Amino acid sequence: MLKIPYGLSNFERIRTKNFLYVDKTRFIKKVEAMDYVIHLRPRRFGKSLFVDMLDRYYDLGSENKFDELFGGLHIHELPTTYRNSYYILRFDFSGVQNTTAEDLEQGFLGKVEEGIADFINRYELGIKPRAAASSARALGSLLSDFTALKLPNKIYILIDEYDHFTNSILSGEAAEFLAVLNRGGFVRSFYEVIKERAQRGIVERIFMTGVMSVTLDSMTSGFNIASNISTRKGFSDMMGFTTDEVQDLLKLSYANPDPDQSEEIVQLTSEEQIQVYDIFKENYNGYLFSEDSNIKVFNSTLIVYYLQHYLPERLSPESLVDANLNQSGATVESIAVKK
């Protein structure tokens, strides 16, 4: 009996608290074949959960939890060479806002400082964070101090929502966007530090997610080492749910999302499974991310959102578009829902 993981991106909680998890660990080996990777998808497509899964898989401090977290999943029987062998340095740029250029820079720096503090505390490295006027200097100081420790394991950098601030800038002055990404801009300088330390071997692997490539493209030589796998055939269904995955999850038994309902366990009949899948297909229709692939995927948040509303009383939600996905009102609805 599974629980619906609406809004959850914590891999450990999902795996240990009996939430539904659609197994994407088969992609670990394919990602590991490249050192520096970027994978772009629309909002709420499971990016943060995938990043958190990589965190738990590669974190050297999570080795004793491998069986608990990955038991029964594809990767458990076929672990890769680098399982639980990295110090994970993680940055999450969601929430960086653009009210003024100064606020934007300080917000970015704040997120970098959070990642640095978490890294130091997580591994009890005994390093004292240095006060820095820029994100590039803060990261550079950390990596220099880490190198001085002469530890046997290297760093894996995980970056979630690398371009979150881009939408905020582009909705205002494009000149601000160019300023932060051109030579000397604080964003480009930050990624130049990552590139330089990766080439030295201090940072051995990088995985980045985001929504658009415009930020990456605008940095040109500032960060030109990553393989953008977003439209590659072999990674088209790395995030989101395929037709088979959706049909399989409709066959499972779930804990009723409404605790006031007398029916504690919900399992859809074969007829209900067909009806619900037809609704998904008609209204969400699937996304095709590679011209070389015929595999369509559904936005995972929309599927989970619908099930959370539907399961208690077998009633569709009033709106087939999750309000948390609706950034621009009718614009999103017109794209996601067929009239």
C-alpha atoms as a PDB file:
ATOM      1  CA  MET A   1       0.000   0.000   0.000  1.00  0.00           C
ATOM      2  CA  LEU A   2       1.757   3.109  -1.284  1.00  0.00           C
ATOM      3  CA  LYS A   3       1.347   6.772  -0.435  1.00  0.00           C
ATOM      4  CA  ILE A   4       1.088   9.495  -3.069  1.00  0.00           C
ATOM      5  CA  PRO A   5       4.344  11.533  -3.110  1.00  0.00           C
ATOM      6  CA  TYR A   6       2.846  14.846  -4.178  1.00  0.00           C
ATOM      7  CA  GLY A   7       5.361  17.672  -3.788  1.00  0.00           C
ATOM      8  CA  LEU A   8       8.105  15.397  -2.449  1.00  0.00           C
ATOM      9  CA  SER A   9      11.626  15.424  -3.842  1.00  0.00           C
ATOM     10  CA  ASN A  10      13.402  13.811  -0.886  1.00  0.00           C
ATOM     11  CA  PHE A  11      14.548  10.422  -2.172  1.00  0.00           C
ATOM     12  CA  GLU A  12      15.275   8.980   1.270  1.00  0.00           C
ATOM     13  CA  ARG A  13      11.858   9.895   2.632  1.00  0.00           C
ATOM     14  CA  ILE A  14      10.087   8.499  -0.430  1.00  0.00           C
ATOM     15  CA  ARG A  15      11.989   5.228  -0.219  1.00  0.00           C
ATOM     16  CA  THR A  16      11.749   4.731   3.552  1.00  0.00           C
ATOM     17  CA  LYS A  17       8.198   6.009   4.172  1.00  0.00           C
ATOM     18  CA  ASN A  18       6.433   3.851   1.576  1.00  0.00           C
ATOM     19  CA  PHE A  19       5.732   6.459  -1.087  1.00  0.00           C
ATOM     20  CA  LEU A  20       5.341   5.637  -4.770  1.00  0.00           C
ATOM     21  CA  TYR A  21       8.667   5.770  -6.623  1.00  0.00           C
ATOM     22  CA  VAL A  22       8.976   5.193 -10.355  1.00  0.00           C
ATOM     23  CA  ASP A  23      12.398   3.600 -10.786  1.00  0.00           C
ATOM     24  CA  LYS A  24      14.783   5.803 -12.795  1.00  0.00           C
ATOM     25  CA  THR A  25      17.986   4.295 -11.424  1.00  0.00           C
ATOM     26  CA  ARG A  26      18.653   2.508 -14.708  1.00  0.00           C
ATOM     27  CA  PHE A  27      19.938   5.845 -16.006  1.00  0.00           C
ATOM     28  CA  ILE A  28      22.706   6.100 -13.402  1.00  0.00           C
ATOM     29  CA  LYS A  29      25.108   3.989 -15.443  1.00  0.00           C
ATOM     30  CA  LYS A  30      24.423   6.032 -18.588  1.00  0.00           C
ATOM     31  CA  VAL A  31      24.982   9.332 -16.779  1.00  0.00           C
ATOM     32  CA  GLU A  32      28.139   7.970 -15.177  1.00  0.00           C
ATOM     33  CA  ALA A  33      29.631   7.371 -18.621  1.00  0.00           C
ATOM     34  CA  MET A  34      30.119  11.165 -18.822  1.00  0.00           C
ATOM     35  CA  ASP A  35      31.939  13.356 -16.318  1.00  0.00           C
ATOM     36  CA  TYR A  36      30.033  16.628 -16.728  1.00  0.00           C
ATOM     37  CA  VAL A  37      26.332  16.509 -17.579  1.00  0.00           C
ATOM     38  CA  ILE A  38      23.427  18.906 -17.972  1.00  0.00           C
ATOM     39  CA  HIS A  39      19.828  17.753 -18.394  1.00  0.00           C
ATOM     40  CA  LEU A  40      17.005  20.242 -18.968  1.00  0.00           C
ATOM     41  CA  ARG A  41      13.277  19.714 -18.454  1.00  0.00           C
ATOM     42  CA  PRO A  42      10.160  21.856 -17.786  1.00  0.00           C
ATOM     43  CA  ARG A  43       9.154  22.761 -14.243  1.00  0.00           C
ATOM     44  CA  ARG A  44       8.012  20.023 -11.857  1.00  0.00           C
ATOM     45  CA  PHE A  45       9.268  17.196 -14.044  1.00  0.00           C
ATOM     46  CA  GLY A  46      11.086  15.287 -11.315  1.00  0.00           C
ATOM     47  CA  LYS A  47      14.433  17.070 -11.676  1.00  0.00           C
ATOM     48  CA  SER A  48      14.982  17.687  -7.964  1.00  0.00           C
ATOM     49  CA  LEU A  49      14.074  14.098  -7.072  1.00  0.00           C
ATOM     50  CA  PHE A  50      16.524  12.777  -9.650  1.00  0.00           C
ATOM     51  CA  VAL A  51      19.260  15.035  -8.253  1.00  0.00           C
ATOM     52  CA  ASP A  52      18.489  13.832  -4.722  1.00  0.00           C
ATOM     53  CA  MET A  53      18.625  10.221  -5.902  1.00  0.00           C
ATOM     54  CA  LEU A  54      22.094  10.844  -7.387  1.00  0.00           C
ATOM     55  CA  ASP A  55      23.103  12.485  -4.115  1.00  0.00           C
ATOM     56  CA  ARG A  56      22.208   9.397  -2.076  1.00  0.00           C
ATOM     57  CA  TYR A  57      23.752   7.025  -4.595  1.00  0.00           C
ATOM     58  CA  TYR A  58      27.149   8.726  -4.863  1.00  0.00           C
ATOM     59  CA  ASP A  59      27.471  10.174  -1.352  1.00  0.00           C
ATOM     60  CA  LEU A  60      30.273   8.370   0.475  1.00  0.00           C
ATOM     61  CA  GLY A  61      28.446   9.043   3.739  1.00  0.00           C
ATOM     62  CA  SER A  62      25.372   7.089   2.620  1.00  0.00           C
ATOM     63  CA  GLU A  63      27.117   3.782   1.947  1.00  0.00           C
ATOM     64  CA  ASN A  64      25.498   2.080   4.952  1.00  0.00           C
ATOM     65  CA  LYS A  65      22.048   3.038   3.608  1.00  0.00           C
ATOM     66  CA  PHE A  66      22.500   1.603   0.126  1.00  0.00           C
ATOM     67  CA  ASP A  67      20.394  -1.514   0.676  1.00  0.00           C
ATOM     68  CA  GLU A  68      17.655   0.435   2.461  1.00  0.00           C
ATOM     69  CA  LEU A  69      17.397   3.159  -0.175  1.00  0.00           C
ATOM     70  CA  PHE A  70      18.027   1.206  -3.357  1.00  0.00           C
ATOM     71  CA  GLY A  71      16.845  -2.311  -2.505  1.00  0.00           C
ATOM     72  CA  GLY A  72      14.477  -3.616  -5.168  1.00  0.00           C
ATOM     73  CA  LEU A  73      15.524  -0.965  -7.703  1.00  0.00           C
ATOM     74  CA  HIS A  74      17.377  -1.590 -10.948  1.00  0.00           C
ATOM     75  CA  ILE A  75      20.710  -0.224  -9.724  1.00  0.00           C
ATOM     76  CA  HIS A  76      20.774  -2.364  -6.576  1.00  0.00           C
ATOM     77  CA  GLU A  77      21.572  -5.523  -8.510  1.00  0.00           C
ATOM     78  CA  LEU A  78      23.909  -3.748 -10.946  1.00  0.00           C
ATOM     79  CA  PRO A  79      25.779  -1.063  -8.965  1.00  0.00           C
ATOM     80  CA  THR A  80      28.407   0.981 -10.768  1.00  0.00           C
ATOM     81  CA  THR A  81      32.069   1.462  -9.978  1.00  0.00           C
ATOM     82  CA  TYR A  82      31.638   4.853  -8.330  1.00  0.00           C
ATOM     83  CA  ARG A  83      28.778   4.085  -5.937  1.00  0.00           C
ATOM     84  CA  ASN A  84      29.141   5.962  -2.613  1.00  0.00           C
ATOM     85  CA  SER A  85      32.569   7.306  -3.504  1.00  0.00           C
ATOM     86  CA  TYR A  86      32.210  11.118  -3.651  1.00  0.00           C
ATOM     87  CA  TYR A  87      31.889  14.152  -1.457  1.00  0.00           C
ATOM     88  CA  ILE A  88      28.651  15.734  -2.684  1.00  0.00           C
ATOM     89  CA  LEU A  89      28.711  19.520  -3.081  1.00  0.00           C
ATOM     90  CA  ARG A  90      25.195  20.614  -3.882  1.00  0.00           C
ATOM     91  CA  PHE A  91      23.700  23.924  -4.971  1.00  0.00           C
ATOM     92  CA  ASP A  92      20.011  24.707  -5.388  1.00  0.00           C
ATOM     93  CA  PHE A  93      19.277  28.050  -7.053  1.00  0.00           C
ATOM     94  CA  SER A  94      15.495  27.876  -6.809  1.00  0.00           C
ATOM     95  CA  GLY A  95      14.105  30.918  -5.058  1.00  0.00           C
ATOM     96  CA  VAL A  96      16.710  33.393  -6.308  1.00  0.00           C
ATOM     97  CA  GLN A  97      14.685  36.493  -7.142  1.00  0.00           C
ATOM     98  CA  ASN A  98      15.396  39.595  -9.199  1.00  0.00           C
ATOM     99  CA  THR A  99      14.165  42.804  -7.623  1.00  0.00           C
ATOM    100  CA  THR A 100      17.373  44.745  -8.252  1.00  0.00           C
ATOM    101  CA  ALA A 101      20.704  43.723  -9.761  1.00  0.00           C
ATOM    102  CA  GLU A 102      22.276  43.942  -6.311  1.00  0.00           C
ATOM    103  CA  ASP A 103      19.584  41.773  -4.743  1.00  0.00           C
ATOM    104  CA  LEU A 104      20.044  39.197  -7.494  1.00  0.00           C
ATOM    105  CA  GLU A 105      23.775  38.958  -6.885  1.00  0.00           C
ATOM    106  CA  GLN A 106      23.321  38.733  -3.120  1.00  0.00           C
ATOM    107  CA  GLY A 107      20.622  36.085  -3.539  1.00  0.00           C
ATOM    108  CA  PHE A 108      22.914  34.008  -5.745  1.00  0.00           C
ATOM    109  CA  LEU A 109      25.773  34.408  -3.275  1.00  0.00           C
ATOM    110  CA  GLY A 110      23.464  33.386  -0.438  1.00  0.00           C
ATOM    111  CA  LYS A 111      22.563  30.140  -2.210  1.00  0.00           C
ATOM    112  CA  VAL A 112      26.246  29.388  -2.830  1.00  0.00           C
ATOM    113  CA  GLU A 113      27.072  30.048   0.822  1.00  0.00           C
ATOM    114  CA  GLU A 114      24.247  27.713   1.896  1.00  0.00           C
ATOM    115  CA  GLY A 115      25.651  24.944  -0.292  1.00  0.00           C
ATOM    116  CA  ILE A 116      29.145  25.487   1.058  1.00  0.00           C
ATOM    117  CA  ALA A 117      28.007  25.466   4.706  1.00  0.00           C
ATOM    118  CA  ASP A 118      25.977  22.279   4.173  1.00  0.00           C
ATOM    119  CA  PHE A 119      28.997  20.619   2.526  1.00  0.00           C
ATOM    120  CA  ILE A 120      31.353  21.485   5.383  1.00  0.00           C
ATOM    121  CA  ASN A 121      28.886  20.389   8.068  1.00  0.00           C
ATOM    122  CA  ARG A 122      27.806  17.239   6.245  1.00  0.00           C
ATOM    123  CA  TYR A 123      31.320  15.816   6.104  1.00  0.00           C
ATOM    124  CA  GLU A 124      32.663  17.467   9.263  1.00  0.00           C
ATOM    125  CA  LEU A 125      35.659  18.732   7.330  1.00  0.00           C
ATOM    126  CA  GLY A 126      36.800  21.225   9.942  1.00  0.00           C
ATOM    127  CA  ILE A 127      36.981  23.970   7.330  1.00  0.00           C
ATOM    128  CA  LYS A 128      35.834  27.452   8.302  1.00  0.00           C
ATOM    129  CA  PRO A 129      33.831  29.192   5.563  1.00  0.00           C
ATOM    130  CA  ARG A 130      35.619  32.359   4.494  1.00  0.00           C
ATOM    131  CA  ALA A 131      33.747  35.617   4.108  1.00  0.00           C
ATOM    132  CA  ALA A 132      33.664  36.429   0.407  1.00  0.00           C
ATOM    133  CA  ALA A 133      32.332  39.295  -1.659  1.00  0.00           C
ATOM    134  CA  SER A 134      31.355  37.036  -4.560  1.00  0.00           C
ATOM    135  CA  SER A 135      30.083  33.517  -5.213  1.00  0.00           C
ATOM    136  CA  ALA A 136      33.187  32.742  -7.294  1.00  0.00           C
ATOM    137  CA  ARG A 137      35.523  33.689  -4.447  1.00  0.00           C
ATOM    138  CA  ALA A 138      33.446  31.740  -1.928  1.00  0.00           C
ATOM    139  CA  LEU A 139      33.552  28.587  -4.044  1.00  0.00           C
ATOM    140  CA  GLY A 140      37.216  29.038  -4.930  1.00  0.00           C
ATOM    141  CA  SER A 141      38.170  29.356  -1.268  1.00  0.00           C
ATOM    142  CA  LEU A 142      36.228  26.229  -0.341  1.00  0.00           C
ATOM    143  CA  LEU A 143      37.821  24.156  -3.085  1.00  0.00           C
ATOM    144  CA  SER A 144      41.300  25.384  -2.158  1.00  0.00           C
ATOM    145  CA  ASP A 145      40.730  24.471   1.479  1.00  0.00           C
ATOM    146  CA  PHE A 146      39.325  21.093   0.474  1.00  0.00           C
ATOM    147  CA  THR A 147      42.353  20.384  -1.715  1.00  0.00           C
ATOM    148  CA  ALA A 148      44.670  21.173   1.203  1.00  0.00           C
ATOM    149  CA  LEU A 149      43.057  18.352   3.212  1.00  0.00           C
ATOM    150  CA  LYS A 150      44.467  15.831   0.690  1.00  0.00           C
ATOM    151  CA  LEU A 151      41.530  13.478   1.057  1.00  0.00           C
ATOM    152  CA  PRO A 152      41.387  10.331  -1.119  1.00  0.00           C
ATOM    153  CA  ASN A 153      37.921  11.006  -2.565  1.00  0.00           C
ATOM    154  CA  LYS A 154      36.946  13.734  -5.024  1.00  0.00           C
ATOM    155  CA  ILE A 155      33.957  16.084  -5.276  1.00  0.00           C
ATOM    156  CA  TYR A 156      30.749  15.538  -7.241  1.00  0.00           C
ATOM    157  CA  ILE A 157      28.912  18.846  -7.804  1.00  0.00           C
ATOM    158  CA  LEU A 158      25.121  18.670  -8.132  1.00  0.00           C
ATOM    159  CA  ILE A 159      23.317  21.826  -9.276  1.00  0.00           C
ATOM    160  CA  ASP A 160      19.525  22.022  -9.238  1.00  0.00           C
ATOM    161  CA  GLU A 161      17.663  24.811 -11.080  1.00  0.00           C
ATOM    162  CA  TYR A 162      20.899  26.278 -12.425  1.00  0.00           C
ATOM    163  CA  ASP A 163      18.907  28.846 -14.434  1.00  0.00           C
ATOM    164  CA  HIS A 164      16.102  29.663 -11.992  1.00  0.00           C
ATOM    165  CA  PHE A 165      17.065  33.328 -11.897  1.00  0.00           C
ATOM    166  CA  THR A 166      17.016  33.561 -15.705  1.00  0.00           C
ATOM    167  CA  ASN A 167      13.241  33.832 -16.024  1.00  0.00           C
ATOM    168  CA  SER A 168      13.210  36.568 -13.431  1.00  0.00           C
ATOM    169  CA  ILE A 169      15.821  38.596 -15.319  1.00  0.00           C
ATOM    170  CA  LEU A 170      14.363  38.065 -18.775  1.00  0.00           C
ATOM    171  CA  SER A 171      10.980  39.287 -17.567  1.00  0.00           C
ATOM    172  CA  GLY A 172      12.672  42.596 -16.834  1.00  0.00           C
ATOM    173  CA  GLU A 173      15.814  43.987 -18.388  1.00  0.00           C
ATOM    174  CA  ALA A 174      17.686  41.733 -20.811  1.00  0.00           C
ATOM    175  CA  ALA A 175      20.759  43.886 -20.225  1.00  0.00           C
ATOM    176  CA  GLU A 176      20.938  42.569 -16.650  1.00  0.00           C
ATOM    177  CA  PHE A 177      20.879  39.004 -17.964  1.00  0.00           C
ATOM    178  CA  LEU A 178      23.819  39.670 -20.268  1.00  0.00           C
ATOM    179  CA  ALA A 179      25.727  41.478 -17.549  1.00  0.00           C
ATOM    180  CA  VAL A 180      25.737  38.529 -15.148  1.00  0.00           C
ATOM    181  CA  LEU A 181      26.720  36.036 -17.860  1.00  0.00           C
ATOM    182  CA  ASN A 182      29.312  38.040 -19.787  1.00  0.00           C
ATOM    183  CA  ARG A 183      32.984  37.952 -18.857  1.00  0.00           C
ATOM    184  CA  GLY A 184      33.332  39.296 -15.338  1.00  0.00           C
ATOM    185  CA  GLY A 185      29.664  38.723 -14.460  1.00  0.00           C
ATOM    186  CA  PHE A 186      29.082  36.957 -11.155  1.00  0.00           C
ATOM    187  CA  VAL A 187      27.271  33.938 -12.617  1.00  0.00           C
ATOM    188  CA  ARG A 188      29.834  33.319 -15.330  1.00  0.00           C
ATOM    189  CA  SER A 189      32.665  33.784 -12.828  1.00  0.00           C
ATOM    190  CA  PHE A 190      31.096  31.158 -10.547  1.00  0.00           C
ATOM    191  CA  TYR A 191      30.930  28.585 -13.350  1.00  0.00           C
ATOM    192  CA  GLU A 192      34.448  29.463 -14.492  1.00  0.00           C
ATOM    193  CA  VAL A 193      35.686  28.389 -11.052  1.00  0.00           C
ATOM    194  CA  ILE A 194      33.862  25.063 -11.406  1.00  0.00           C
ATOM    195  CA  LYS A 195      35.334  24.549 -14.876  1.00  0.00           C
ATOM    196  CA  GLU A 196      38.865  25.381 -13.757  1.00  0.00           C
ATOM    197  CA  ARG A 197      38.733  23.090 -10.706  1.00  0.00           C
ATOM    198  CA  ALA A 198      37.188  20.299 -12.761  1.00  0.00           C
ATOM    199  CA  GLN A 199      40.098  20.506 -15.161  1.00  0.00           C
ATOM    200  CA  ARG A 200      42.469  20.235 -12.214  1.00  0.00           C
ATOM    201  CA  GLY A 201      40.689  17.073 -11.059  1.00  0.00           C
ATOM    202  CA  ILE A 202      39.451  18.429  -7.722  1.00  0.00           C
ATOM    203  CA  VAL A 203      35.886  18.300  -9.006  1.00  0.00           C
ATOM    204  CA  GLU A 204      35.573  14.955 -10.767  1.00  0.00           C
ATOM    205  CA  ARG A 205      31.885  14.978 -11.759  1.00  0.00           C
ATOM    206  CA  ILE A 206      29.122  17.535 -12.334  1.00  0.00           C
ATOM    207  CA  PHE A 207      25.390  17.067 -12.882  1.00  0.00           C
ATOM    208  CA  MET A 208      23.194  20.114 -13.551  1.00  0.00           C
ATOM    209  CA  THR A 209      19.480  20.513 -14.123  1.00  0.00           C
ATOM    210  CA  GLY A 210      17.401  23.459 -15.232  1.00  0.00           C
ATOM    211  CA  VAL A 211      14.625  24.516 -17.570  1.00  0.00           C
ATOM    212  CA  MET A 212      16.271  26.243 -20.533  1.00  0.00           C
ATOM    213  CA  SER A 213      19.644  26.247 -22.278  1.00  0.00           C
ATOM    214  CA  VAL A 214      19.661  30.029 -22.777  1.00  0.00           C
ATOM    215  CA  THR A 215      21.781  30.602 -19.666  1.00  0.00           C
ATOM    216  CA  LEU A 216      24.276  27.910 -20.592  1.00  0.00           C
ATOM    217  CA  ASP A 217      24.454  29.122 -24.195  1.00  0.00           C
ATOM    218  CA  SER A 218      25.052  32.702 -23.085  1.00  0.00           C
ATOM    219  CA  MET A 219      28.053  31.746 -20.943  1.00  0.00           C
ATOM    220  CA  THR A 220      29.908  30.456 -24.056  1.00  0.00           C
ATOM    221  CA  SER A 221      33.467  29.584 -22.996  1.00  0.00           C
ATOM    222  CA  GLY A 222      32.698  30.282 -19.342  1.00  0.00           C
ATOM    223  CA  PHE A 223      31.368  26.739 -18.977  1.00  0.00           C
ATOM    224  CA  ASN A 224      31.739  24.715 -22.151  1.00  0.00           C
ATOM    225  CA  ILE A 225      32.712  21.367 -20.685  1.00  0.00           C
ATOM    226  CA  ALA A 226      29.295  19.831 -20.006  1.00  0.00           C
ATOM    227  CA  SER A 227      27.493  17.328 -22.227  1.00  0.00           C
ATOM    228  CA  ASN A 228      23.928  18.534 -22.754  1.00  0.00           C
ATOM    229  CA  ILE A 229      21.925  15.302 -22.920  1.00  0.00           C
ATOM    230  CA  SER A 230      18.497  16.966 -22.890  1.00  0.00           C
ATOM    231  CA  THR A 231      17.502  15.930 -26.422  1.00  0.00           C
ATOM    232  CA  ARG A 232      19.452  12.702 -26.729  1.00  0.00           C
ATOM    233  CA  LYS A 233      17.355   9.657 -27.528  1.00  0.00           C
ATOM    234  CA  GLY A 234      18.741   7.532 -24.724  1.00  0.00           C
ATOM    235  CA  PHE A 235      17.762  10.077 -22.067  1.00  0.00           C
ATOM    236  CA  SER A 236      14.348  11.161 -23.360  1.00  0.00           C
ATOM    237  CA  ASP A 237      12.506   9.361 -20.529  1.00  0.00           C
ATOM    238  CA  MET A 238      15.037   9.890 -17.737  1.00  0.00           C
ATOM    239  CA  MET A 239      12.552  12.240 -16.072  1.00  0.00           C
ATOM    240  CA  GLY A 240       8.772  12.161 -16.303  1.00  0.00           C
ATOM    241  CA  PHE A 241       6.694   8.995 -16.728  1.00  0.00           C
ATOM    242  CA  THR A 242       6.403   6.863 -19.851  1.00  0.00           C
ATOM    243  CA  THR A 243       3.166   5.245 -21.038  1.00  0.00           C
ATOM    244  CA  ASP A 244       4.211   1.914 -19.539  1.00  0.00           C
ATOM    245  CA  GLU A 245       5.177   3.521 -16.241  1.00  0.00           C
ATOM    246  CA  VAL A 246       1.841   5.342 -15.981  1.00  0.00           C
ATOM    247  CA  GLN A 247      -0.138   2.208 -16.807  1.00  0.00           C
ATOM    248  CA  ASP A 248       1.861   0.215 -14.250  1.00  0.00           C
ATOM    249  CA  LEU A 249       1.350   2.727 -11.448  1.00  0.00           C
ATOM    250  CA  LEU A 250      -2.409   2.728 -12.102  1.00  0.00           C
ATOM    251  CA  LYS A 251      -2.418  -0.994 -11.202  1.00  0.00           C
ATOM    252  CA  LEU A 252      -0.949  -0.457  -7.734  1.00  0.00           C
ATOM    253  CA  SER A 253      -2.680  -0.223  -4.360  1.00  0.00           C
ATOM    254  CA  TYR A 254      -2.579   3.121  -2.577  1.00  0.00           C
ATOM    255  CA  ALA A 255      -3.276   4.487   0.852  1.00  0.00           C
ATOM    256  CA  ASN A 256      -6.322   6.723   0.565  1.00  0.00           C
ATOM    257  CA  PRO A 257      -5.061  10.353   0.431  1.00  0.00           C
ATOM    258  CA  ASP A 258      -8.150  11.421   2.412  1.00  0.00           C
ATOM    259  CA  PRO A 259      -7.849  10.091   6.006  1.00  0.00           C
ATOM    260  CA  ASP A 260     -11.549  10.797   6.624  1.00  0.00           C
ATOM    261  CA  GLN A 261     -12.604   8.196   4.075  1.00  0.00           C
ATOM    262  CA  SER A 262     -13.601   4.794   5.429  1.00  0.00           C
ATOM    263  CA  GLU A 263     -11.854   3.111   2.520  1.00  0.00           C
ATOM    264  CA  GLU A 264      -8.213   3.043   3.652  1.00  0.00           C
ATOM    265  CA  ILE A 265      -6.813   1.251   0.617  1.00  0.00           C
ATOM    266  CA  VAL A 266      -7.621   2.256  -2.939  1.00  0.00           C
ATOM    267  CA  GLN A 267      -7.067   0.058  -5.963  1.00  0.00           C
ATOM    268  CA  LEU A 268      -8.517   0.980  -9.309  1.00  0.00           C
ATOM    269  CA  THR A 269     -10.495  -1.593 -11.252  1.00  0.00           C
ATOM    270  CA  SER A 270      -9.351  -2.493 -14.750  1.00  0.00           C
ATOM    271  CA  GLU A 271     -12.101  -0.297 -16.176  1.00  0.00           C
ATOM    272  CA  GLU A 272     -11.100   2.630 -13.958  1.00  0.00           C
ATOM    273  CA  GLN A 273      -7.459   2.212 -14.971  1.00  0.00           C
ATOM    274  CA  ILE A 274      -8.439   2.521 -18.631  1.00  0.00           C
ATOM    275  CA  GLN A 275     -10.652   5.539 -17.960  1.00  0.00           C
ATOM    276  CA  VAL A 276      -8.002   7.390 -15.978  1.00  0.00           C
ATOM    277  CA  TYR A 277      -5.284   6.624 -18.501  1.00  0.00           C
ATOM    278  CA  ASP A 278      -7.508   7.927 -21.300  1.00  0.00           C
ATOM    279  CA  ILE A 279      -7.915  11.182 -19.349  1.00  0.00           C
ATOM    280  CA  PHE A 280      -4.146  11.440 -18.989  1.00  0.00           C
ATOM    281  CA  LYS A 281      -3.616  10.761 -22.669  1.00  0.00           C
ATOM    282  CA  GLU A 282      -6.282  13.207 -23.838  1.00  0.00           C
ATOM    283  CA  ASN A 283      -5.401  16.081 -21.533  1.00  0.00           C
ATOM    284  CA  TYR A 284      -1.686  15.746 -20.810  1.00  0.00           C
ATOM    285  CA  ASN A 285      -0.822  14.038 -24.100  1.00  0.00           C
ATOM    286  CA  GLY A 286       2.844  13.380 -23.337  1.00  0.00           C
ATOM    287  CA  TYR A 287       6.033  15.291 -24.126  1.00  0.00           C
ATOM    288  CA  LEU A 288       8.498  14.267 -26.843  1.00  0.00           C
ATOM    289  CA  PHE A 289      11.979  15.533 -26.048  1.00  0.00           C
ATOM    290  CA  SER A 290      14.029  13.915 -28.791  1.00  0.00           C
ATOM    291  CA  GLU A 291      13.497  13.942 -32.536  1.00  0.00           C
ATOM    292  CA  ASP A 292      15.155  10.529 -32.642  1.00  0.00           C
ATOM    293  CA  SER A 293      12.802   8.932 -30.108  1.00  0.00           C
ATOM    294  CA  ASN A 294       9.139   7.956 -30.212  1.00  0.00           C
ATOM    295  CA  ILE A 295       8.906   7.678 -26.421  1.00  0.00           C
ATOM    296  CA  LYS A 296       6.472  10.227 -25.038  1.00  0.00           C
ATOM    297  CA  VAL A 297       6.562  11.102 -21.366  1.00  0.00           C
ATOM    298  CA  PHE A 298       4.027  12.621 -19.013  1.00  0.00           C
ATOM    299  CA  ASN A 299       4.796  15.348 -16.522  1.00  0.00           C
ATOM    300  CA  SER A 300       5.173  13.394 -13.286  1.00  0.00           C
ATOM    301  CA  THR A 301       3.703  16.148 -11.118  1.00  0.00           C
ATOM    302  CA  LEU A 302       0.500  16.278 -13.179  1.00  0.00           C
ATOM    303  CA  ILE A 303       0.053  12.511 -12.856  1.00  0.00           C
ATOM    304  CA  VAL A 304       0.598  12.529  -9.089  1.00  0.00           C
ATOM    305  CA  TYR A 305      -1.572  15.647  -8.690  1.00  0.00           C
ATOM    306  CA  TYR A 306      -4.460  13.980 -10.526  1.00  0.00           C
ATOM    307  CA  LEU A 307      -4.209  10.747  -8.532  1.00  0.00           C
ATOM    308  CA  GLN A 308      -4.124  12.611  -5.226  1.00  0.00           C
ATOM    309  CA  HIS A 309      -7.466  14.226  -6.100  1.00  0.00           C
ATOM    310  CA  TYR A 310      -9.041  11.269  -7.863  1.00  0.00           C
ATOM    311  CA  LEU A 311      -8.380   8.355  -5.537  1.00  0.00           C
ATOM    312  CA  PRO A 312     -10.518   9.270  -2.486  1.00  0.00           C
ATOM    313  CA  GLU A 313     -13.896   9.486  -4.279  1.00  0.00           C
ATOM    314  CA  ARG A 314     -13.056   8.652  -7.906  1.00  0.00           C
ATOM    315  CA  LEU A 315     -13.611  12.278  -8.914  1.00  0.00           C
ATOM    316  CA  SER A 316     -11.410  14.305 -11.249  1.00  0.00           C
ATOM    317  CA  PRO A 317     -10.023  17.590  -9.870  1.00  0.00           C
ATOM    318  CA  GLU A 318     -11.862  20.755 -10.889  1.00  0.00           C
ATOM    319  CA  SER A 319      -8.829  21.887 -12.829  1.00  0.00           C
ATOM    320  CA  LEU A 320      -6.719  19.391 -14.716  1.00  0.00           C
ATOM    321  CA  VAL A 321      -3.763  21.745 -14.377  1.00  0.00           C
ATOM    322  CA  ASP A 322      -1.996  21.827 -11.030  1.00  0.00           C
ATOM    323  CA  ALA A 323      -1.989  25.424  -9.763  1.00  0.00           C
ATOM    324  CA  ASN A 324       1.647  24.977  -8.724  1.00  0.00           C
ATOM    325  CA  LEU A 325       2.552  24.540 -12.378  1.00  0.00           C
ATOM    326  CA  ASN A 326       0.509  27.522 -13.483  1.00  0.00           C
ATOM    327  CA  GLN A 327       2.974  30.389 -13.638  1.00  0.00           C
ATOM    328  CA  SER A 328       1.157  32.374 -16.295  1.00  0.00           C
ATOM    329  CA  GLY A 329      -2.478  31.440 -15.892  1.00  0.00           C
ATOM    330  CA  ALA A 330      -4.281  30.611 -19.100  1.00  0.00           C
ATOM    331  CA  THR A 331      -1.032  30.356 -21.040  1.00  0.00           C
ATOM    332  CA  VAL A 332       0.036  27.179 -19.260  1.00  0.00           C
ATOM    333  CA  GLU A 333      -3.477  25.791 -19.307  1.00  0.00           C
ATOM    334  CA  SER A 334      -3.801  26.278 -23.038  1.00  0.00           C
ATOM    335  CA  ILE A 335      -0.595  24.319 -23.559  1.00  0.00           C
ATOM    336  CA  ALA A 336      -1.229  21.488 -21.096  1.00  0.00           C
ATOM    337  CA  VAL A 337      -4.943  20.972 -21.547  1.00  0.00           C
ATOM    338  CA  LYS A 338      -6.764  20.383 -24.813  1.00  0.00           C
ATOM    339  CA  LYS A 339      -9.909  22.426 -25.171  1.00  0.00           C
END
